[in-house]
């Protein structure tokens, strides 16, 4: 069985390499994704995968800090699209070897971009 650290490292490695079949294996079908800052959320592992798969541009995520417990992790990344780099903070919850919840925080205020994924929803203000 993989550790939380290994699972989160695989998450970002598979995402960066656009290895969607292996990325999908890390996700619980009922995964919950939340961005409190923009009120966006997704209610499935399939939707979370689709968000990554449809994110525009040649982006990469580089782990800067990863703090893990048995079933949770906090990960700070540099998310780069071209020359622009923004810091992201993700809180992951795991059940065994699957990710069951992700909450993303972006320290810089922003309006979310137009989403291609039909799985992304947004709560009213």
Protein backbone atom coordinates (compact mmCIF):
# COMPACT_ATOMS: atom_id res chain seq x y z
CA UNK A 1 0.00 0.00 0.00
CA UNK A 2 1.28 3.46 -0.89
CA UNK A 3 1.79 6.19 1.69
CA UNK A 4 0.00 9.54 1.52
CA UNK A 5 3.28 11.13 0.40
CA UNK A 6 3.68 8.65 -2.47
CA UNK A 7 0.07 9.10 -3.59
CA UNK A 8 0.30 12.92 -3.70
CA UNK A 9 3.66 12.78 -5.49
CA UNK A 10 2.12 10.39 -8.03
CA UNK A 11 -0.92 12.69 -8.38
CA UNK A 12 1.25 15.61 -9.51
CA UNK A 13 3.63 13.48 -11.59
CA UNK A 14 0.76 11.83 -13.49
CA UNK A 15 -0.94 15.23 -13.97
CA UNK A 16 2.26 16.85 -15.26
CA UNK A 17 2.81 13.98 -17.71
CA UNK A 18 -0.89 13.94 -18.73
CA UNK A 19 -0.98 10.25 -17.76
CA UNK A 20 -4.74 10.26 -17.26
CA UNK A 21 -5.24 6.50 -16.87
CA UNK A 22 -2.83 6.30 -13.92
CA UNK A 23 -4.10 9.62 -12.53
CA UNK A 24 -7.65 8.22 -12.55
CA UNK A 25 -6.58 5.18 -10.52
CA UNK A 26 -5.70 7.50 -7.61
CA UNK A 27 -9.20 8.98 -7.43
CA UNK A 28 -12.19 7.73 -5.49
CA UNK A 29 -15.34 7.78 -7.68
CA UNK A 30 -17.09 9.93 -5.04
CA UNK A 31 -14.17 12.39 -4.68
CA UNK A 32 -15.22 15.86 -3.48
CA UNK A 33 -13.32 18.88 -4.83
CA UNK A 34 -13.78 22.37 -3.40
CA UNK A 35 -12.34 25.85 -4.03
CA UNK A 36 -13.80 27.95 -1.17
CA UNK A 37 -12.36 31.18 -2.59
CA UNK A 38 -14.33 30.93 -5.86
CA UNK A 39 -17.21 28.78 -4.55
CA UNK A 40 -16.45 26.13 -7.18
CA UNK A 41 -16.85 22.42 -6.54
CA UNK A 42 -16.92 19.02 -8.22
CA UNK A 43 -18.73 15.95 -6.91
CA UNK A 44 -16.89 13.04 -8.54
CA UNK A 45 -13.50 11.60 -9.31
CA UNK A 46 -14.46 11.64 -12.99
CA UNK A 47 -15.15 15.36 -12.75
CA UNK A 48 -11.86 16.06 -10.99
CA UNK A 49 -10.02 14.16 -13.73
CA UNK A 50 -11.94 16.07 -16.39
CA UNK A 51 -10.98 19.41 -14.81
CA UNK A 52 -7.29 18.50 -15.12
CA UNK A 53 -7.64 16.95 -18.56
CA UNK A 54 -9.39 20.05 -19.95
CA UNK A 55 -7.29 22.73 -18.21
CA UNK A 56 -5.99 24.96 -21.01
CA UNK A 57 -2.36 25.68 -21.75
CA UNK A 58 0.94 23.93 -21.18
CA UNK A 59 0.86 23.99 -17.39
CA UNK A 60 3.01 22.23 -14.81
CA UNK A 61 2.82 21.90 -11.06
CA UNK A 62 5.95 21.69 -8.93
CA UNK A 63 5.71 20.56 -5.32
CA UNK A 64 7.39 23.06 -2.99
CA UNK A 65 6.26 21.55 0.32
CA UNK A 66 4.40 18.37 1.21
CA UNK A 67 3.29 17.61 4.76
CA UNK A 68 1.63 14.24 5.27
CA UNK A 69 -0.21 12.25 7.87
CA UNK A 70 -1.61 8.77 7.41
CA UNK A 71 -4.82 9.82 5.62
CA UNK A 72 -4.25 13.47 4.77
CA UNK A 73 -1.72 15.80 3.22
CA UNK A 74 -1.11 19.50 2.69
CA UNK A 75 0.73 20.34 -0.50
CA UNK A 76 2.11 23.70 -1.62
CA UNK A 77 2.74 23.91 -5.36
CA UNK A 78 4.03 26.36 -7.91
CA UNK A 79 1.50 26.18 -10.74
CA UNK A 80 3.08 27.48 -13.94
CA UNK A 81 1.43 28.34 -17.22
CA UNK A 82 4.06 29.80 -19.50
CA UNK A 83 5.93 32.53 -17.62
CA UNK A 84 3.16 33.01 -15.03
CA UNK A 85 3.60 31.13 -11.73
CA UNK A 86 1.02 31.10 -8.96
CA UNK A 87 1.15 29.39 -5.59
CA UNK A 88 -1.50 26.81 -4.79
CA UNK A 89 -2.22 25.10 -1.48
CA UNK A 90 -4.10 21.80 -1.59
CA UNK A 91 -5.46 19.76 1.28
CA UNK A 92 -5.90 16.11 0.34
CA UNK A 93 -7.91 13.48 2.23
CA UNK A 94 -7.28 9.83 1.47
CA UNK A 95 -8.97 6.51 2.11
CA UNK A 96 -6.38 3.81 1.64
CA UNK A 97 -4.72 4.41 -1.71
CA UNK A 98 -7.42 6.70 -3.12
CA UNK A 99 -7.94 10.44 -2.89
CA UNK A 100 -11.44 11.14 -1.54
CA UNK A 101 -11.36 14.93 -1.11
CA UNK A 102 -9.31 17.91 -2.28
CA UNK A 103 -9.67 21.50 -1.12
CA UNK A 104 -7.67 24.08 -3.09
CA UNK A 105 -6.65 27.50 -1.84
CA UNK A 106 -5.00 30.12 -4.05
CA UNK A 107 -3.41 32.95 -2.02
CA UNK A 108 -3.85 35.49 -4.83
CA UNK A 109 -7.46 36.63 -5.34
CA UNK A 110 -8.86 35.84 -8.76
CA UNK A 111 -11.99 35.18 -10.73
CA UNK A 112 -12.07 31.63 -12.02
CA UNK A 113 -11.37 31.14 -15.71
CA UNK A 114 -13.99 29.87 -18.11
CA UNK A 115 -14.21 26.14 -17.45
CA UNK A 116 -14.38 23.62 -20.24
CA UNK A 117 -15.35 20.82 -17.85
CA UNK A 118 -19.10 20.41 -17.44
CA UNK A 119 -18.45 18.88 -14.00
CA UNK A 120 -17.39 22.19 -12.43
CA UNK A 121 -20.20 23.90 -10.52
CA UNK A 122 -20.31 27.19 -8.63
CA UNK A 123 -22.28 28.06 -5.51
CA UNK A 124 -24.23 31.32 -5.43
CA UNK A 125 -22.72 34.18 -3.42
